[in-house]
């Protein structure tokens, strides 16, 4: 039993992890939320937990989650890449987010972001 547990832990450590860009989409009004994450594993669970506990930092998204409920939000991975090829994850995620915000323009009636986020 102990050996089996150690083997499983080792396999878990060796699993490839992926960073990327995710999108939450409100199927009632088409608004989208874009985020970049250092590890895509279990990310949907993270958003559900933070939104269900009313702790998400994006107030517009939080408000509509409270109004429409989880069943009206869809989770999509827009981009993923293995973590092994990044030397500065913070910089990479910042660049990715800017690129995807410019591409999808999730501002005003199209999404949950403020245009000022492009300058960050």
N, C-alpha and C. Protein backbone atom coordinates (compact mmCIF):
# COMPACT_ATOMS: atom_id res chain seq x y z
N UNK A 1 0.83 -1.20 0.00
CA UNK A 1 0.00 0.00 0.00
C UNK A 1 0.87 1.26 0.00
N UNK A 2 1.88 1.27 0.84
CA UNK A 2 2.76 2.42 0.96
C UNK A 2 3.53 2.65 -0.35
N UNK A 3 4.01 1.57 -0.95
CA UNK A 3 4.75 1.66 -2.21
C UNK A 3 3.84 2.19 -3.32
N UNK A 4 2.63 1.70 -3.34
CA UNK A 4 1.66 2.13 -4.35
C UNK A 4 1.37 3.63 -4.21
N UNK A 5 1.25 4.10 -2.98
CA UNK A 5 0.99 5.51 -2.73
C UNK A 5 2.16 6.37 -3.23
N UNK A 6 3.38 5.92 -2.95
CA UNK A 6 4.57 6.65 -3.39
C UNK A 6 4.63 6.71 -4.92
N UNK A 7 4.29 5.59 -5.56
CA UNK A 7 4.29 5.55 -7.03
C UNK A 7 3.28 6.54 -7.59
N UNK A 8 2.10 6.58 -6.99
CA UNK A 8 1.06 7.51 -7.45
C UNK A 8 1.50 8.96 -7.24
N UNK A 9 2.14 9.25 -6.11
CA UNK A 9 2.63 10.60 -5.87
C UNK A 9 3.68 10.99 -6.90
N UNK A 10 4.55 10.06 -7.23
CA UNK A 10 5.59 10.33 -8.22
C UNK A 10 4.98 10.57 -9.60
N UNK A 11 3.99 9.77 -9.95
CA UNK A 11 3.31 9.95 -11.24
C UNK A 11 2.65 11.32 -11.30
N UNK A 12 2.06 11.74 -10.19
CA UNK A 12 1.40 13.05 -10.13
C UNK A 12 2.42 14.16 -10.36
N UNK A 13 3.57 14.06 -9.71
CA UNK A 13 4.62 15.06 -9.86
C UNK A 13 5.14 15.15 -11.29
N UNK A 14 5.15 14.02 -11.98
CA UNK A 14 5.68 13.97 -13.34
C UNK A 14 4.66 14.35 -14.40
N UNK A 15 3.40 14.50 -14.00
CA UNK A 15 2.37 14.88 -14.96
C UNK A 15 2.69 16.25 -15.54
N UNK A 16 2.49 16.37 -16.83
CA UNK A 16 2.68 17.66 -17.47
C UNK A 16 1.60 18.62 -17.00
N UNK A 17 2.01 19.85 -16.75
CA UNK A 17 1.04 20.88 -16.42
C UNK A 17 1.07 21.91 -17.54
N UNK A 18 -0.03 22.58 -17.69
CA UNK A 18 -0.19 23.53 -18.78
C UNK A 18 -0.64 24.88 -18.25
N UNK A 19 -0.06 25.93 -18.80
CA UNK A 19 -0.55 27.27 -18.52
C UNK A 19 -1.42 27.66 -19.70
N UNK A 20 -2.19 28.72 -19.53
CA UNK A 20 -3.01 29.09 -20.67
C UNK A 20 -3.98 30.22 -20.42
N UNK A 21 -4.91 30.30 -21.36
CA UNK A 21 -5.94 31.34 -21.36
C UNK A 21 -7.29 30.65 -21.28
N UNK A 22 -8.12 31.15 -20.37
CA UNK A 22 -9.46 30.57 -20.23
C UNK A 22 -10.50 31.67 -20.48
N UNK A 23 -11.69 31.20 -20.77
CA UNK A 23 -12.81 32.11 -20.97
C UNK A 23 -14.01 31.58 -20.21
N UNK A 24 -14.68 32.44 -19.47
CA UNK A 24 -15.99 32.12 -18.90
C UNK A 24 -16.99 32.89 -19.74
N UNK A 25 -18.02 32.19 -20.20
CA UNK A 25 -19.01 32.83 -21.07
C UNK A 25 -20.41 32.72 -20.46
N UNK A 26 -21.08 33.84 -20.37
CA UNK A 26 -22.45 33.89 -19.88
C UNK A 26 -23.36 33.59 -21.07
N UNK A 27 -24.08 32.47 -21.04
CA UNK A 27 -24.90 32.09 -22.19
C UNK A 27 -26.22 32.86 -22.26
N UNK A 28 -26.47 33.72 -21.28
CA UNK A 28 -27.68 34.54 -21.29
C UNK A 28 -27.50 35.85 -22.04
N UNK A 29 -26.29 36.41 -21.98
CA UNK A 29 -26.06 37.70 -22.64
C UNK A 29 -24.81 37.72 -23.51
N UNK A 30 -24.08 36.61 -23.57
CA UNK A 30 -22.90 36.52 -24.42
C UNK A 30 -21.65 37.18 -23.87
N UNK A 31 -21.73 37.76 -22.67
CA UNK A 31 -20.55 38.41 -22.09
C UNK A 31 -19.49 37.36 -21.74
N UNK A 32 -18.22 37.78 -21.88
CA UNK A 32 -17.12 36.86 -21.59
C UNK A 32 -16.14 37.47 -20.60
N UNK A 33 -15.49 36.58 -19.88
CA UNK A 33 -14.42 36.93 -18.95
C UNK A 33 -13.18 36.15 -19.39
N UNK A 34 -12.07 36.83 -19.53
CA UNK A 34 -10.82 36.22 -19.98
C UNK A 34 -9.82 36.24 -18.82
N UNK A 35 -9.09 35.15 -18.66
CA UNK A 35 -8.05 35.12 -17.64
C UNK A 35 -6.91 34.24 -18.13
N UNK A 36 -5.73 34.50 -17.60
CA UNK A 36 -4.58 33.66 -17.88
C UNK A 36 -4.19 32.99 -16.57
N UNK A 37 -3.80 31.72 -16.67
CA UNK A 37 -3.53 30.94 -15.47
C UNK A 37 -2.25 30.13 -15.63
N UNK A 38 -1.47 30.01 -14.55
CA UNK A 38 -0.22 29.26 -14.62
C UNK A 38 -0.41 27.75 -14.66
N UNK A 39 -1.59 27.29 -14.25
CA UNK A 39 -1.87 25.86 -14.27
C UNK A 39 -3.36 25.66 -14.54
N UNK A 40 -3.67 25.03 -15.65
CA UNK A 40 -5.07 24.85 -16.05
C UNK A 40 -5.79 23.75 -15.26
N UNK A 41 -5.04 22.92 -14.59
CA UNK A 41 -5.65 21.78 -13.89
C UNK A 41 -6.64 22.27 -12.83
N UNK A 42 -7.84 21.73 -12.88
CA UNK A 42 -8.90 22.03 -11.92
C UNK A 42 -9.29 23.51 -11.87
N UNK A 43 -9.05 24.24 -12.92
CA UNK A 43 -9.32 25.68 -12.89
C UNK A 43 -10.80 26.01 -12.82
N UNK A 44 -11.64 25.24 -13.51
CA UNK A 44 -13.07 25.49 -13.45
C UNK A 44 -13.55 25.40 -12.00
N UNK A 45 -13.05 24.42 -11.26
CA UNK A 45 -13.42 24.27 -9.85
C UNK A 45 -13.03 25.50 -9.04
N UNK A 46 -11.87 26.05 -9.35
CA UNK A 46 -11.42 27.26 -8.65
C UNK A 46 -12.40 28.42 -8.89
N UNK A 47 -12.82 28.62 -10.13
CA UNK A 47 -13.75 29.72 -10.43
C UNK A 47 -15.10 29.49 -9.76
N UNK A 48 -15.60 28.28 -9.83
CA UNK A 48 -16.88 27.97 -9.20
C UNK A 48 -16.80 28.25 -7.70
N UNK A 49 -15.72 27.80 -7.07
CA UNK A 49 -15.57 28.00 -5.63
C UNK A 49 -15.52 29.50 -5.28
N UNK A 50 -14.70 30.26 -6.00
CA UNK A 50 -14.58 31.69 -5.66
C UNK A 50 -15.87 32.45 -5.97
N UNK A 51 -16.53 32.11 -7.06
CA UNK A 51 -17.78 32.80 -7.40
C UNK A 51 -18.94 32.38 -6.49
N UNK A 52 -19.02 31.08 -6.18
CA UNK A 52 -20.08 30.61 -5.28
C UNK A 52 -19.93 31.19 -3.87
N UNK A 53 -18.70 31.46 -3.47
CA UNK A 53 -18.48 32.03 -2.13
C UNK A 53 -18.45 33.56 -2.17
N UNK A 54 -18.81 34.12 -3.33
CA UNK A 54 -18.92 35.58 -3.49
C UNK A 54 -17.60 36.30 -3.26
N UNK A 55 -16.49 35.69 -3.73
CA UNK A 55 -15.16 36.25 -3.48
C UNK A 55 -14.37 36.58 -4.75
N UNK A 56 -15.00 36.52 -5.88
CA UNK A 56 -14.25 36.79 -7.11
C UNK A 56 -13.95 38.29 -7.20
N UNK A 57 -12.71 38.64 -7.58
CA UNK A 57 -12.34 40.06 -7.63
C UNK A 57 -13.04 40.88 -8.72
N UNK A 58 -13.55 40.23 -9.77
CA UNK A 58 -14.25 40.95 -10.82
C UNK A 58 -15.72 41.11 -10.41
N UNK A 59 -16.05 42.31 -9.99
CA UNK A 59 -17.39 42.58 -9.43
C UNK A 59 -18.51 42.39 -10.44
N UNK A 60 -18.27 42.76 -11.70
CA UNK A 60 -19.31 42.60 -12.73
C UNK A 60 -19.61 41.12 -12.96
N UNK A 61 -18.55 40.32 -13.06
CA UNK A 61 -18.73 38.88 -13.23
C UNK A 61 -19.44 38.30 -12.01
N UNK A 62 -19.00 38.69 -10.83
CA UNK A 62 -19.59 38.18 -9.60
C UNK A 62 -21.09 38.50 -9.53
N UNK A 63 -21.43 39.71 -9.89
CA UNK A 63 -22.83 40.13 -9.84
C UNK A 63 -23.71 39.29 -10.77
N UNK A 64 -23.23 39.07 -11.98
CA UNK A 64 -24.04 38.30 -12.93
C UNK A 64 -24.04 36.80 -12.60
N UNK A 65 -22.96 36.30 -12.00
CA UNK A 65 -22.95 34.91 -11.51
C UNK A 65 -24.05 34.75 -10.46
N UNK A 66 -24.16 35.73 -9.58
CA UNK A 66 -25.17 35.68 -8.52
C UNK A 66 -26.58 35.75 -9.10
N UNK A 67 -26.75 36.50 -10.18
CA UNK A 67 -28.06 36.65 -10.80
C UNK A 67 -28.43 35.40 -11.63
N UNK A 68 -27.53 34.97 -12.52
CA UNK A 68 -27.85 33.91 -13.47
C UNK A 68 -27.53 32.50 -12.96
N UNK A 69 -26.51 32.38 -12.13
CA UNK A 69 -26.14 31.06 -11.59
C UNK A 69 -25.14 30.31 -12.46
N UNK A 70 -24.49 29.37 -11.85
CA UNK A 70 -23.44 28.56 -12.47
C UNK A 70 -23.88 27.93 -13.79
N UNK A 71 -25.11 27.47 -13.83
CA UNK A 71 -25.59 26.74 -15.02
C UNK A 71 -25.60 27.58 -16.29
N UNK A 72 -25.46 28.90 -16.16
CA UNK A 72 -25.47 29.77 -17.33
C UNK A 72 -24.08 30.28 -17.71
N UNK A 73 -23.06 29.68 -17.13
CA UNK A 73 -21.69 30.04 -17.48
C UNK A 73 -20.96 28.82 -18.02
N UNK A 74 -20.28 29.03 -19.12
CA UNK A 74 -19.51 27.96 -19.76
C UNK A 74 -18.03 28.27 -19.64
N UNK A 75 -17.24 27.23 -19.45
CA UNK A 75 -15.80 27.36 -19.28
C UNK A 75 -15.11 26.83 -20.54
N UNK A 76 -14.21 27.63 -21.10
CA UNK A 76 -13.47 27.23 -22.30
C UNK A 76 -11.98 27.49 -22.10
N UNK A 77 -11.17 26.56 -22.56
CA UNK A 77 -9.73 26.80 -22.61
C UNK A 77 -9.44 27.30 -24.03
N UNK A 78 -8.95 28.52 -24.14
CA UNK A 78 -8.69 29.13 -25.45
C UNK A 78 -7.27 28.86 -25.94
N UNK A 79 -6.35 28.62 -25.01
CA UNK A 79 -4.95 28.43 -25.36
C UNK A 79 -4.29 27.67 -24.23
N UNK A 80 -3.47 26.67 -24.59
CA UNK A 80 -2.70 25.97 -23.56
C UNK A 80 -1.33 25.59 -24.10
N UNK A 81 -0.38 25.58 -23.19
CA UNK A 81 0.99 25.26 -23.56
C UNK A 81 1.68 24.66 -22.33
N UNK A 82 2.58 23.70 -22.53
CA UNK A 82 3.26 23.10 -21.37
C UNK A 82 4.05 24.14 -20.58
N UNK A 83 4.03 23.99 -19.27
CA UNK A 83 4.76 24.91 -18.38
C UNK A 83 6.27 24.81 -18.54
N UNK A 84 6.73 23.75 -19.11
CA UNK A 84 8.17 23.49 -19.16
C UNK A 84 8.95 24.47 -20.02
N UNK A 85 8.30 25.18 -20.92
CA UNK A 85 9.03 26.06 -21.83
C UNK A 85 8.99 27.54 -21.44
N UNK A 86 8.64 27.85 -20.19
CA UNK A 86 8.53 29.24 -19.76
C UNK A 86 9.56 29.53 -18.67
N UNK A 87 10.29 30.62 -18.86
CA UNK A 87 11.26 31.00 -17.84
C UNK A 87 10.70 32.08 -16.90
N UNK A 88 9.81 32.93 -17.40
CA UNK A 88 9.19 33.98 -16.58
C UNK A 88 7.68 33.89 -16.75
N UNK A 89 7.03 33.08 -15.91
CA UNK A 89 5.60 32.82 -16.05
C UNK A 89 4.77 34.09 -15.87
N UNK A 90 5.11 34.91 -14.92
CA UNK A 90 4.34 36.13 -14.67
C UNK A 90 4.32 37.02 -15.92
N UNK A 91 5.48 37.21 -16.53
CA UNK A 91 5.60 38.01 -17.74
C UNK A 91 4.81 37.37 -18.89
N UNK A 92 4.96 36.07 -19.06
CA UNK A 92 4.27 35.35 -20.13
C UNK A 92 2.75 35.48 -20.00
N UNK A 93 2.24 35.32 -18.78
CA UNK A 93 0.79 35.42 -18.57
C UNK A 93 0.29 36.83 -18.83
N UNK A 94 1.06 37.82 -18.43
CA UNK A 94 0.68 39.22 -18.67
C UNK A 94 0.59 39.51 -20.17
N UNK A 95 1.57 39.04 -20.93
CA UNK A 95 1.58 39.24 -22.38
C UNK A 95 0.41 38.51 -23.05
N UNK A 96 0.16 37.28 -22.60
CA UNK A 96 -0.96 36.50 -23.15
C UNK A 96 -2.30 37.18 -22.89
N UNK A 97 -2.48 37.67 -21.67
CA UNK A 97 -3.75 38.30 -21.34
C UNK A 97 -3.99 39.53 -22.21
N UNK A 98 -2.97 40.35 -22.36
CA UNK A 98 -3.10 41.54 -23.20
C UNK A 98 -3.47 41.15 -24.64
N UNK A 99 -2.80 40.15 -25.16
CA UNK A 99 -3.06 39.69 -26.53
C UNK A 99 -4.51 39.24 -26.69
N UNK A 100 -5.00 38.44 -25.74
CA UNK A 100 -6.36 37.92 -25.85
C UNK A 100 -7.42 38.99 -25.57
N UNK A 101 -7.11 39.93 -24.70
CA UNK A 101 -8.06 41.04 -24.48
C UNK A 101 -8.18 41.89 -25.74
N UNK A 102 -7.04 42.12 -26.40
CA UNK A 102 -7.07 42.87 -27.66
C UNK A 102 -7.84 42.11 -28.74
N UNK A 103 -7.62 40.82 -28.79
CA UNK A 103 -8.25 39.99 -29.82
C UNK A 103 -9.77 39.88 -29.63
N UNK A 104 -10.22 39.64 -28.40
CA UNK A 104 -11.64 39.37 -28.15
C UNK A 104 -12.45 40.58 -27.72
N UNK A 105 -11.77 41.64 -27.27
CA UNK A 105 -12.43 42.89 -26.88
C UNK A 105 -13.61 42.66 -25.91
N UNK A 106 -13.36 42.02 -24.76
CA UNK A 106 -14.45 41.73 -23.82
C UNK A 106 -14.78 42.92 -22.90
N UNK A 107 -15.11 44.05 -23.52
CA UNK A 107 -15.37 45.28 -22.78
C UNK A 107 -16.83 45.69 -22.96
N UNK A 108 -17.31 46.49 -22.03
CA UNK A 108 -18.67 47.03 -22.06
C UNK A 108 -19.69 45.91 -22.19
N UNK A 109 -20.56 45.97 -23.21
CA UNK A 109 -21.62 44.96 -23.34
C UNK A 109 -21.10 43.60 -23.82
N UNK A 110 -19.83 43.53 -24.21
CA UNK A 110 -19.25 42.27 -24.71
C UNK A 110 -18.59 41.45 -23.62
N UNK A 111 -18.33 42.07 -22.47
CA UNK A 111 -17.63 41.30 -21.45
C UNK A 111 -17.52 41.97 -20.10
N UNK A 112 -16.69 41.36 -19.27
CA UNK A 112 -16.56 41.77 -17.88
C UNK A 112 -15.27 42.53 -17.58
N UNK A 113 -14.62 43.02 -18.59
CA UNK A 113 -13.35 43.72 -18.41
C UNK A 113 -13.52 45.21 -18.67
N UNK A 114 -12.58 45.96 -18.11
CA UNK A 114 -12.52 47.40 -18.35
C UNK A 114 -11.40 47.65 -19.35
N UNK A 115 -11.60 48.58 -20.25
CA UNK A 115 -10.62 48.88 -21.30
C UNK A 115 -9.24 49.23 -20.71
N UNK A 116 -9.22 49.76 -19.50
CA UNK A 116 -7.97 50.14 -18.85
C UNK A 116 -7.05 48.93 -18.62
N UNK A 117 -7.61 47.73 -18.60
CA UNK A 117 -6.81 46.54 -18.39
C UNK A 117 -5.79 46.31 -19.49
N UNK A 118 -6.01 46.90 -20.64
CA UNK A 118 -5.04 46.76 -21.74
C UNK A 118 -3.75 47.49 -21.43
N UNK A 119 -3.80 48.48 -20.57
CA UNK A 119 -2.61 49.27 -20.24
C UNK A 119 -1.78 48.67 -19.11
N UNK A 120 -2.27 47.62 -18.52
CA UNK A 120 -1.56 47.01 -17.39
C UNK A 120 -0.44 46.11 -17.84
